[in-house]
């Protein structure tokens, strides 16, 4: 107990006696020690706050040791104020000893950190490194931008190359198709010519045959008048050949032959009109002849079949003047559209029996002369056309009551190689070529109006007088070939 009392309440005099209790001197020491202690306690708080916000900084343990050292120093200054009145010098010395230990430990911990601290970059070096990094980032961004530009250029070149390849393939197929059409057109024209020669011979001689037959029949009747009672031999021969029937049937037979020859002549005329091998230039022609020629060639597909009723063709022709056009190419367009209409009708009625067909398959062809397609169109097909108001135009409408088409199909209808038909039945070029013939070669419009399940209408609008330059013959040769789109 004596030791504790001596430690806490020694018989030493208070420190204030050393200052003779002079109020100004005591106050000066009190204020100075108090200010130093306040500063020493504030600095660790600031350091602790700084460390919590920047935990990424190196040497955090040094900051903590400095904080503990500063707190100990501040405590010794408070002890100096205490010993002015209370002579607890052992406590004050213990605090100073603790402060000494912390300071020595801080020194020992700080020595090995000095080389690491010296190795840290200076602000100037950090600024230089930062500038270098910024330069590298700028170069990287520039390189990335250049790479992006190169990639975009490469994509454009790839697209252009693909487009060129696609165009070459399209042109190649069109050339092949055109050569085939040209050859078939020549074949059709040649066949029509070869048929025409013997038919003309038959047609020219059947007139004389009819005349001679009529004279022979008159002679037989005259013999019957002059010799009403034939000899037994003649009577037997008359009964054998059935002379009465022969005299009445022979004129009918001659008339049937004349009808057949006339039919062949019409077919030959249709073939020659359709092929138009001698009309690769702009000609003034009767549009109706081209349509009728196409119908004659397609007549076999219009007839009734075991699983399909007859396709009825209704024609509503206006009184049209001669139209300036490329006849062979225009006939090709008529054939393409009519073939597509027949294909649509056959597909529509393929799964129906004749008994279940309520509405008969039908193709309606209408022609008219209009002053301005925009003002005279009966529907919205020509709303977007831009034609001079004073020019006259021919409007040809070909409508079927087949299965129609969707909006998606309509959008791609005139694209090359687009087809909805099975593989091997269509090339996808028919309507594309037709569109080019009408729009580029004739300065007109080829329009389509269709709804799924309600049929399809194709509208051809042509100027009465052509003003477009002659087309390149390399792609489209006038012929009579049927294109299956």
Protein backbone atom coordinates (compact mmCIF):
# COMPACT_ATOMS: atom_id res chain seq x y z
CA UNK A 1 0.00 0.00 0.00
CA UNK A 2 2.88 2.34 0.78
CA UNK A 3 4.29 1.69 -2.66
CA UNK A 4 0.94 2.48 -4.32
CA UNK A 5 0.45 5.57 -2.23
CA UNK A 6 4.02 6.63 -3.00
CA UNK A 7 3.31 6.00 -6.71
CA UNK A 8 0.09 7.96 -6.72
CA UNK A 9 0.51 10.41 -3.87
CA UNK A 10 4.23 10.91 -3.46
CA UNK A 11 5.67 13.34 -1.14
CA UNK A 12 6.97 15.34 -4.10
CA UNK A 13 5.81 18.86 -4.43
CA UNK A 14 3.56 19.69 -7.41
CA UNK A 15 5.17 21.03 -10.52
CA UNK A 16 3.46 24.37 -10.00
CA UNK A 17 5.83 25.14 -7.15
CA UNK A 18 8.63 25.19 -9.70
CA UNK A 19 6.82 28.06 -11.38
CA UNK A 20 6.28 29.75 -7.97
CA UNK A 21 2.60 29.57 -8.82
CA UNK A 22 2.91 32.57 -11.01
CA UNK A 23 -0.39 32.78 -12.75
CA UNK A 24 0.88 33.97 -16.16
CA UNK A 25 3.58 31.28 -16.30
CA UNK A 26 1.27 28.50 -15.13
CA UNK A 27 -1.41 29.61 -17.60
CA UNK A 28 1.12 29.63 -20.42
CA UNK A 29 2.12 26.02 -19.74
CA UNK A 30 -1.47 24.92 -19.31
CA UNK A 31 -2.57 26.53 -22.61
CA UNK A 32 0.45 25.24 -24.56
CA UNK A 33 0.15 21.65 -23.31
CA UNK A 34 -3.62 21.67 -23.84
CA UNK A 35 -3.27 22.96 -27.43
CA UNK A 36 -0.57 20.41 -28.21
CA UNK A 37 -2.69 17.58 -26.75
CA UNK A 38 -5.72 18.71 -28.77
CA UNK A 39 -3.67 18.74 -31.94
CA UNK A 40 -2.13 15.35 -31.14
CA UNK A 41 -5.58 13.81 -30.58
CA UNK A 42 -7.00 15.40 -33.76
CA UNK A 43 -4.24 14.24 -36.08
CA UNK A 44 -4.88 10.45 -35.49
CA UNK A 45 -8.60 10.96 -36.11
CA UNK A 46 -7.82 12.57 -39.46
CA UNK A 47 -5.33 9.81 -40.29
CA UNK A 48 -7.87 7.11 -39.38
CA UNK A 49 -10.54 8.73 -41.58
CA UNK A 50 -8.04 9.03 -44.45
CA UNK A 51 -7.02 5.36 -44.16
CA UNK A 52 -10.63 4.19 -44.20
CA UNK A 53 -11.29 6.11 -47.40
CA UNK A 54 -8.05 5.04 -49.09
CA UNK A 55 -7.49 1.44 -48.10
CA UNK A 56 -5.58 0.89 -51.34
CA UNK A 57 -2.62 2.95 -50.10
CA UNK A 58 0.61 1.14 -49.17
CA UNK A 59 2.19 1.21 -45.67
CA UNK A 60 -1.09 1.47 -43.77
CA UNK A 61 0.59 -0.01 -40.65
CA UNK A 62 2.96 2.97 -40.55
CA UNK A 63 0.02 5.34 -40.46
CA UNK A 64 -1.43 3.35 -37.54
CA UNK A 65 1.88 3.43 -35.63
CA UNK A 66 2.17 7.15 -36.20
CA UNK A 67 -1.35 7.56 -34.88
CA UNK A 68 -0.56 5.60 -31.70
CA UNK A 69 2.68 7.55 -31.20
CA UNK A 70 0.90 10.88 -31.60
CA UNK A 71 -1.85 9.86 -29.15
CA UNK A 72 0.82 8.88 -26.59
CA UNK A 73 2.56 12.22 -27.06
CA UNK A 74 -0.71 14.05 -26.57
CA UNK A 75 -1.34 12.09 -23.36
CA UNK A 76 2.07 13.07 -21.93
CA UNK A 77 1.18 16.72 -22.45
CA UNK A 78 -2.05 16.24 -20.55
CA UNK A 79 0.02 14.61 -17.80
CA UNK A 80 2.17 17.76 -17.67
CA UNK A 81 -0.94 19.78 -16.93
CA UNK A 82 -1.98 17.26 -14.24
CA UNK A 83 1.39 17.37 -12.45
CA UNK A 84 1.13 21.11 -11.99
CA UNK A 85 -1.17 20.38 -9.03
CA UNK A 86 -0.68 16.65 -8.40
CA UNK A 87 2.85 15.26 -8.15
CA UNK A 88 2.14 11.87 -9.80
CA UNK A 89 5.47 11.83 -11.50
CA UNK A 90 5.57 8.03 -11.66
CA UNK A 91 2.42 7.99 -13.76
CA UNK A 92 3.81 10.76 -15.93
CA UNK A 93 7.06 8.88 -16.34
CA UNK A 94 5.19 5.66 -17.22
CA UNK A 95 3.31 7.47 -19.97
CA UNK A 96 6.57 8.83 -21.33
CA UNK A 97 8.07 5.33 -21.19
CA UNK A 98 5.11 3.92 -23.13
CA UNK A 99 5.53 6.75 -25.63
CA UNK A 100 9.22 5.87 -25.96
CA UNK A 101 8.42 2.23 -26.65
CA UNK A 102 5.92 3.13 -29.34
CA UNK A 103 8.35 5.60 -30.89
CA UNK A 104 11.15 3.05 -30.93
CA UNK A 105 8.86 0.39 -32.45
CA UNK A 106 7.78 2.91 -35.07
CA UNK A 107 11.42 3.61 -35.93
CA UNK A 108 12.21 -0.09 -36.17
CA UNK A 109 9.16 -0.67 -38.44
CA UNK A 110 9.95 2.38 -40.54
CA UNK A 111 13.57 1.51 -41.38
CA UNK A 112 12.86 -1.43 -43.74
CA UNK A 113 10.06 0.56 -45.40
CA UNK A 114 12.37 3.42 -46.38
CA UNK A 115 13.75 1.62 -49.50
CA UNK A 116 10.21 0.74 -50.58
CA UNK A 117 9.07 4.30 -50.06
CA UNK A 118 12.05 5.62 -52.00
CA UNK A 119 11.18 3.25 -54.85
CA UNK A 120 7.78 4.90 -55.25
CA UNK A 121 7.44 7.13 -58.27
CA UNK A 122 7.62 10.85 -57.80
CA UNK A 123 4.70 13.06 -58.88
CA UNK A 124 6.69 14.14 -61.94
CA UNK A 125 7.37 10.52 -62.87
CA UNK A 126 3.74 9.59 -62.27
CA UNK A 127 2.65 12.53 -64.45
CA UNK A 128 5.02 11.39 -67.21
CA UNK A 129 3.76 7.79 -66.94
CA UNK A 130 0.19 9.09 -66.98
CA UNK A 131 0.90 11.11 -70.12
CA UNK A 132 2.47 8.05 -71.74
CA UNK A 133 -0.53 5.93 -70.79
CA UNK A 134 -2.88 8.57 -72.18
CA UNK A 135 -0.85 8.60 -75.39
CA UNK A 136 -1.03 4.81 -75.59
CA UNK A 137 -4.78 4.90 -74.91
CA UNK A 138 -5.21 7.51 -77.66
CA UNK A 139 -3.14 5.38 -80.03
CA UNK A 140 -5.20 2.33 -79.06
CA UNK A 141 -8.44 4.22 -79.67
CA UNK A 142 -7.13 5.46 -83.00
CA UNK A 143 -6.05 1.96 -83.95
CA UNK A 144 -9.44 0.61 -82.87
CA UNK A 145 -11.16 3.29 -84.95
CA UNK A 146 -8.96 2.52 -87.96
CA UNK A 147 -9.67 -1.19 -87.49
CA UNK A 148 -13.40 -0.47 -87.33
CA UNK A 149 -13.14 1.58 -90.52
CA UNK A 150 -11.22 -1.23 -92.21
CA UNK A 151 -13.84 -3.74 -91.06
CA UNK A 152 -16.62 -1.55 -92.43
CA UNK A 153 -14.77 -1.15 -95.73
CA UNK A 154 -14.18 -4.89 -95.83
CA UNK A 155 -17.88 -5.54 -95.19
CA UNK A 156 -18.78 -3.11 -97.98
CA UNK A 157 -16.33 -4.84 -100.31
CA UNK A 158 -17.75 -8.24 -99.34
CA UNK A 159 -21.28 -6.97 -99.99
CA UNK A 160 -20.22 -5.50 -103.31
CA UNK A 161 -18.48 -8.75 -104.24
CA UNK A 162 -21.54 -10.78 -103.25
CA UNK A 163 -23.72 -8.40 -105.26
CA UNK A 164 -21.43 -8.74 -108.27
CA UNK A 165 -21.51 -12.54 -107.95
CA UNK A 166 -25.30 -12.45 -107.61
CA UNK A 167 -25.59 -10.15 -110.63
CA UNK A 168 -23.29 -12.40 -112.65
CA UNK A 169 -25.32 -15.46 -111.71
CA UNK A 170 -28.55 -13.64 -112.57
CA UNK A 171 -27.14 -12.44 -115.87
CA UNK A 172 -25.82 -15.89 -116.68
CA UNK A 173 -29.16 -17.54 -116.00
CA UNK A 174 -30.96 -14.83 -117.96
CA UNK A 175 -28.58 -15.33 -120.86
CA UNK A 176 -29.19 -19.08 -120.76
CA UNK A 177 -32.93 -18.46 -120.53
CA UNK A 178 -32.76 -15.93 -123.36
CA UNK A 179 -30.82 -18.30 -125.58
CA UNK A 180 -33.32 -21.05 -124.85
CA UNK A 181 -36.20 -18.68 -125.54
CA UNK A 182 -34.58 -17.50 -128.76
CA UNK A 183 -34.03 -21.07 -129.95
CA UNK A 184 -37.57 -22.08 -129.05
CA UNK A 185 -38.89 -18.94 -130.72
CA UNK A 186 -37.04 -19.80 -133.89
CA UNK A 187 -38.33 -23.36 -133.64
CA UNK A 188 -41.92 -22.12 -133.23
CA UNK A 189 -41.51 -19.80 -136.20
CA UNK A 190 -39.93 -22.59 -138.27
CA UNK A 191 -42.67 -25.07 -137.38
CA UNK A 192 -45.33 -22.50 -138.20
CA UNK A 193 -43.67 -21.84 -141.56
CA UNK A 194 -43.33 -25.52 -142.41
CA UNK A 195 -46.95 -26.19 -141.47
CA UNK A 196 -48.10 -23.14 -143.37
CA UNK A 197 -46.82 -24.37 -146.76
CA UNK A 198 -48.81 -27.65 -146.96
CA UNK A 199 -51.80 -25.99 -145.32
CA UNK A 200 -51.79 -23.30 -148.00
CA UNK A 201 -51.58 -26.06 -150.61
CA UNK A 202 -54.54 -27.86 -149.07
CA UNK A 203 -56.51 -24.64 -148.61
CA UNK A 204 -55.86 -23.63 -152.20
CA UNK A 205 -56.92 -27.00 -153.63
CA UNK A 206 -59.88 -27.62 -151.38
CA UNK A 207 -61.73 -24.83 -153.16
CA UNK A 208 -61.31 -26.65 -156.48
CA UNK A 209 -62.12 -29.96 -154.80
CA UNK A 210 -65.40 -28.48 -153.57
CA UNK A 211 -66.17 -27.17 -157.04
CA UNK A 212 -65.34 -30.44 -158.76
CA UNK A 213 -67.30 -32.43 -156.19
CA UNK A 214 -70.32 -30.19 -156.66
CA UNK A 215 -70.13 -30.64 -160.43
CA UNK A 216 -69.85 -34.41 -160.11
CA UNK A 217 -72.85 -34.51 -157.78
CA UNK A 218 -74.85 -32.41 -160.24
CA UNK A 219 -73.82 -34.79 -163.00
CA UNK A 220 -75.03 -37.77 -160.98
CA UNK A 221 -78.37 -36.07 -160.39
CA UNK A 222 -78.58 -35.30 -164.13
CA UNK A 223 -77.91 -38.96 -164.96
CA UNK A 224 -80.68 -39.98 -162.57
CA UNK A 225 -83.07 -37.61 -164.37
CA UNK A 226 -82.07 -38.74 -167.86
CA UNK A 227 -81.85 -42.45 -166.95
CA UNK A 228 -84.29 -43.06 -164.12
CA UNK A 229 -84.07 -46.83 -164.57
CA UNK A 230 -80.42 -47.93 -164.13
CA UNK A 231 -79.17 -51.22 -165.32
CA UNK A 232 -79.01 -54.12 -162.82
CA UNK A 233 -75.22 -53.67 -162.53
CA UNK A 234 -75.52 -49.91 -161.78
CA UNK A 235 -78.37 -50.53 -159.36
CA UNK A 236 -76.25 -53.05 -157.46
CA UNK A 237 -73.33 -50.61 -157.28
CA UNK A 238 -75.63 -47.79 -156.12
CA UNK A 239 -76.87 -49.97 -153.28
CA UNK A 240 -73.34 -51.07 -152.46
CA UNK A 241 -71.91 -47.55 -152.04
CA UNK A 242 -75.10 -46.07 -150.57
CA UNK A 243 -75.20 -43.33 -153.18
CA UNK A 244 -77.86 -41.25 -151.43
CA UNK A 245 -75.80 -41.04 -148.23
CA UNK A 246 -72.63 -40.32 -150.20
CA UNK A 247 -74.32 -37.47 -152.12
CA UNK A 248 -75.52 -35.83 -148.89
CA UNK A 249 -72.42 -36.50 -146.73
CA UNK A 250 -69.74 -35.55 -149.25
CA UNK A 251 -70.53 -31.77 -149.12
CA UNK A 252 -70.51 -31.96 -145.31
CA UNK A 253 -67.15 -33.74 -145.45
CA UNK A 254 -65.75 -31.00 -147.70
CA UNK A 255 -67.06 -28.34 -145.31
CA UNK A 256 -65.45 -30.13 -142.36
CA UNK A 257 -62.15 -30.20 -144.22
CA UNK A 258 -62.46 -26.47 -144.90
CA UNK A 259 -63.16 -25.87 -141.19
CA UNK A 260 -60.12 -27.94 -140.17
CA UNK A 261 -57.88 -26.12 -142.64
CA UNK A 262 -59.17 -22.81 -141.34
CA UNK A 263 -58.41 -23.92 -137.78
CA UNK A 264 -54.88 -24.90 -138.75
CA UNK A 265 -54.43 -21.56 -140.49
CA UNK A 266 -55.54 -19.76 -137.31
CA UNK A 267 -53.10 -21.78 -135.20
CA UNK A 268 -50.25 -21.05 -137.61
CA UNK A 269 -51.17 -17.38 -137.60
CA UNK A 270 -51.20 -17.39 -133.80
CA UNK A 271 -47.81 -19.08 -133.66
CA UNK A 272 -46.35 -16.56 -136.10
CA UNK A 273 -47.92 -13.63 -134.30
CA UNK A 274 -46.64 -14.88 -130.96
CA UNK A 275 -43.08 -15.63 -132.03
CA UNK A 276 -42.68 -12.30 -133.89
CA UNK A 277 -39.15 -13.25 -134.90
CA UNK A 278 -39.15 -10.47 -137.49
CA UNK A 279 -40.32 -7.78 -135.05
CA UNK A 280 -37.48 -7.09 -132.61
CA UNK A 281 -37.98 -3.38 -133.26
CA UNK A 282 -40.77 -1.12 -132.06
CA UNK A 283 -43.89 -1.81 -134.11
CA UNK A 284 -47.45 -0.62 -134.03
CA UNK A 285 -49.50 -3.73 -133.39
CA UNK A 286 -52.89 -4.84 -132.21
CA UNK A 287 -52.52 -5.80 -128.55
CA UNK A 288 -55.50 -8.11 -128.78
CA UNK A 289 -53.75 -10.28 -131.39
CA UNK A 290 -50.89 -10.96 -128.99
CA UNK A 291 -53.29 -11.89 -126.18
CA UNK A 292 -55.38 -14.11 -128.45
CA UNK A 293 -52.25 -15.81 -129.81
CA UNK A 294 -51.15 -16.64 -126.27
CA UNK A 295 -54.59 -18.05 -125.50
CA UNK A 296 -54.50 -20.21 -128.65
CA UNK A 297 -51.14 -21.69 -127.62
CA UNK A 298 -52.43 -22.32 -124.08
CA UNK A 299 -55.77 -23.71 -125.27
CA UNK A 300 -54.89 -27.27 -124.25
CA UNK A 301 -54.31 -26.17 -120.64
CA UNK A 302 -57.65 -24.38 -120.55
CA UNK A 303 -59.68 -27.47 -121.41
CA UNK A 304 -61.38 -29.63 -118.80
CA UNK A 305 -59.43 -32.51 -117.29
CA UNK A 306 -60.55 -35.50 -115.22
CA UNK A 307 -59.73 -33.73 -111.94
CA UNK A 308 -60.26 -30.14 -113.06
CA UNK A 309 -63.11 -28.25 -114.69
CA UNK A 310 -62.61 -26.15 -117.78
CA UNK A 311 -60.95 -22.76 -117.22
CA UNK A 312 -63.29 -20.18 -118.71
CA UNK A 313 -61.68 -17.16 -120.37
CA UNK A 314 -63.75 -13.98 -120.49
CA UNK A 315 -62.55 -11.18 -122.74
CA UNK A 316 -63.71 -7.58 -122.46
CA UNK A 317 -61.78 -5.82 -125.19
CA UNK A 318 -62.10 -2.10 -125.77
CA UNK A 319 -61.74 -0.53 -129.20
CA UNK A 320 -58.02 0.21 -128.98
CA UNK A 321 -55.75 1.87 -131.52
CA UNK A 322 -52.51 0.24 -132.58
CA UNK A 323 -49.93 0.30 -129.78
CA UNK A 324 -46.26 1.13 -130.24
CA UNK A 325 -44.28 -1.67 -128.57
CA UNK A 326 -41.87 -4.57 -128.92
CA UNK A 327 -44.38 -7.25 -129.96
CA UNK A 328 -42.27 -10.31 -129.18
CA UNK A 329 -41.41 -9.15 -125.70
CA UNK A 330 -44.95 -8.05 -124.95
CA UNK A 331 -46.29 -11.45 -126.06
CA UNK A 332 -43.78 -13.00 -123.71
CA UNK A 333 -45.26 -10.95 -120.83
CA UNK A 334 -48.81 -12.03 -121.74
CA UNK A 335 -47.70 -15.66 -121.83
CA UNK A 336 -45.94 -15.41 -118.45
CA UNK A 337 -48.93 -13.85 -116.71
CA UNK A 338 -51.44 -16.24 -118.28
CA UNK A 339 -49.30 -19.26 -117.40
CA UNK A 340 -49.06 -18.08 -113.79
CA UNK A 341 -52.83 -17.58 -113.70
CA UNK A 342 -53.42 -21.10 -115.03
CA UNK A 343 -50.90 -22.55 -112.55
CA UNK A 344 -52.66 -20.73 -109.71
CA UNK A 345 -56.06 -22.05 -110.78
CA UNK A 346 -54.75 -25.61 -111.20
CA UNK A 347 -53.15 -25.46 -107.74
CA UNK A 348 -56.32 -23.98 -106.23
CA UNK A 349 -58.61 -26.67 -107.64
CA UNK A 350 -56.15 -29.58 -107.46
CA UNK A 351 -57.45 -30.90 -104.14
CA UNK A 352 -61.14 -30.39 -105.00
CA UNK A 353 -63.35 -32.84 -106.83
CA UNK A 354 -65.51 -31.66 -109.70
CA UNK A 355 -68.61 -32.09 -107.54
CA UNK A 356 -67.19 -29.87 -104.76
CA UNK A 357 -66.24 -26.99 -107.05
CA UNK A 358 -68.76 -24.21 -106.44
CA UNK A 359 -67.12 -21.40 -108.43
CA UNK A 360 -65.74 -22.38 -111.84
CA UNK A 361 -62.13 -21.38 -112.54
CA UNK A 362 -62.05 -18.25 -114.62
CA UNK A 363 -59.60 -15.83 -116.22
CA UNK A 364 -60.90 -12.40 -117.12
CA UNK A 365 -59.00 -10.17 -119.55
CA UNK A 366 -59.96 -6.50 -119.88
CA UNK A 367 -58.41 -3.76 -121.98
CA UNK A 368 -59.11 -0.05 -122.00
CA UNK A 369 -57.72 3.26 -123.21
CA UNK A 370 -57.08 5.74 -120.42
CA UNK A 371 -55.96 9.36 -120.48
CA UNK A 372 -54.12 9.36 -117.17
CA UNK A 373 -53.52 6.23 -115.06
CA UNK A 374 -53.80 8.18 -111.83
CA UNK A 375 -57.22 9.68 -112.51
CA UNK A 376 -58.75 6.83 -114.50
CA UNK A 377 -57.65 3.79 -112.54
CA UNK A 378 -60.54 1.84 -111.08
CA UNK A 379 -58.51 0.85 -108.05
CA UNK A 380 -55.47 1.97 -106.12
CA UNK A 381 -52.97 0.06 -108.25
CA UNK A 382 -51.83 3.18 -110.09
CA UNK A 383 -51.95 5.66 -107.25
CA UNK A 384 -48.18 6.05 -107.15
CA UNK A 385 -47.63 6.39 -110.91
CA UNK A 386 -46.23 9.60 -112.28
CA UNK A 387 -47.36 10.13 -115.87
CA UNK A 388 -48.02 13.27 -117.90
CA UNK A 389 -51.71 14.10 -117.89
CA UNK A 390 -51.99 14.61 -121.66
CA UNK A 391 -50.61 11.23 -122.79
CA UNK A 392 -52.79 8.24 -123.54
CA UNK A 393 -52.15 4.80 -122.06
CA UNK A 394 -53.31 1.25 -122.60
CA UNK A 395 -54.53 -0.61 -119.52
CA UNK A 396 -54.57 -4.42 -119.64
CA UNK A 397 -56.03 -6.32 -116.69
CA UNK A 398 -55.64 -10.11 -116.33
CA UNK A 399 -57.58 -11.48 -113.34
CA UNK A 400 -58.02 -15.02 -112.04
CA UNK A 401 -60.12 -16.40 -109.19
CA UNK A 402 -57.37 -18.71 -107.92
CA UNK A 403 -55.80 -18.96 -104.48
CA UNK A 404 -54.25 -15.47 -104.47
CA UNK A 405 -51.12 -14.56 -102.52
CA UNK A 406 -50.05 -13.05 -99.20
CA UNK A 407 -48.52 -9.61 -98.68
CA UNK A 408 -45.10 -11.17 -98.10
CA UNK A 409 -45.29 -12.94 -101.45
CA UNK A 410 -46.41 -9.75 -103.19
CA UNK A 411 -43.36 -7.90 -101.85
CA UNK A 412 -40.99 -10.44 -103.46
CA UNK A 413 -43.06 -11.28 -106.53
CA UNK A 414 -40.83 -9.50 -109.06
CA UNK A 415 -37.51 -10.46 -107.43
CA UNK A 416 -35.26 -12.67 -109.60
CA UNK A 417 -35.38 -16.39 -108.72
CA UNK A 418 -38.33 -15.97 -106.33
CA UNK A 419 -40.96 -18.63 -106.87
CA UNK A 420 -43.63 -20.37 -104.83
CA UNK A 421 -43.76 -23.36 -107.16
CA UNK A 422 -42.17 -26.76 -106.49
CA UNK A 423 -38.53 -27.33 -107.37
CA UNK A 424 -38.15 -28.09 -111.05
CA UNK A 425 -41.39 -26.43 -112.13
CA UNK A 426 -40.41 -22.78 -112.02
CA UNK A 427 -37.18 -20.79 -112.46
CA UNK A 428 -38.35 -17.65 -110.67
CA UNK A 429 -37.46 -15.49 -113.69
CA UNK A 430 -40.76 -15.16 -115.56
CA UNK A 431 -42.32 -12.27 -113.66
CA UNK A 432 -38.94 -10.65 -113.04
CA UNK A 433 -38.26 -10.57 -116.78
CA UNK A 434 -41.82 -9.42 -117.45
CA UNK A 435 -41.40 -6.57 -114.98
CA UNK A 436 -38.19 -5.47 -116.69
CA UNK A 437 -39.78 -5.68 -120.14
CA UNK A 438 -42.73 -3.51 -119.11
CA UNK A 439 -40.92 -0.94 -116.96
CA UNK A 440 -37.53 -0.59 -118.65
CA UNK A 441 -38.25 -1.46 -122.26
CA UNK A 442 -41.71 0.08 -122.57
CA UNK A 443 -41.74 2.79 -119.89
CA UNK A 444 -44.87 1.34 -118.30
CA UNK A 445 -45.94 -0.28 -115.07
CA UNK A 446 -46.63 -3.88 -114.06
CA UNK A 447 -48.79 -3.95 -110.94
CA UNK A 448 -50.37 -6.70 -108.89
CA UNK A 449 -53.39 -6.73 -106.63
CA UNK A 450 -54.10 -9.90 -104.69
CA UNK A 451 -55.41 -11.26 -101.42
CA UNK A 452 -54.98 -14.75 -100.14
CA UNK A 453 -57.99 -16.83 -101.16
CA UNK A 454 -59.48 -14.09 -103.37
CA UNK A 455 -57.55 -14.41 -106.62
CA UNK A 456 -54.97 -12.20 -108.31
CA UNK A 457 -55.11 -9.27 -110.73
CA UNK A 458 -52.16 -8.19 -112.87
CA UNK A 459 -52.42 -4.74 -114.43
CA UNK A 460 -50.21 -3.67 -117.33
CA UNK A 461 -50.13 0.03 -118.16
CA UNK A 462 -48.37 0.99 -121.39
CA UNK A 463 -47.95 4.34 -123.12
CA UNK A 464 -49.63 4.43 -126.49
CA UNK A 465 -46.45 5.79 -128.07
CA UNK A 466 -43.05 4.51 -126.95
CA UNK A 467 -40.41 7.03 -125.93
CA UNK A 468 -37.90 4.75 -124.22
CA UNK A 469 -34.65 3.73 -125.98
CA UNK A 470 -34.33 0.32 -127.51
CA UNK A 471 -33.42 -2.38 -124.96
CA UNK A 472 -30.21 -4.36 -125.06
CA UNK A 473 -31.02 -7.53 -126.98
CA UNK A 474 -28.52 -9.61 -125.02
CA UNK A 475 -30.96 -10.38 -122.21
CA UNK A 476 -34.32 -10.63 -123.89
CA UNK A 477 -34.85 -12.15 -127.28
CA UNK A 478 -38.38 -12.04 -128.67
CA UNK A 479 -39.71 -15.55 -128.74
CA UNK A 480 -42.71 -17.65 -127.97
CA UNK A 481 -41.30 -19.60 -125.06
CA UNK A 482 -43.44 -20.08 -121.96
CA UNK A 483 -41.67 -18.96 -118.77
CA UNK A 484 -42.76 -20.66 -115.60
CA UNK A 485 -42.15 -18.17 -112.80
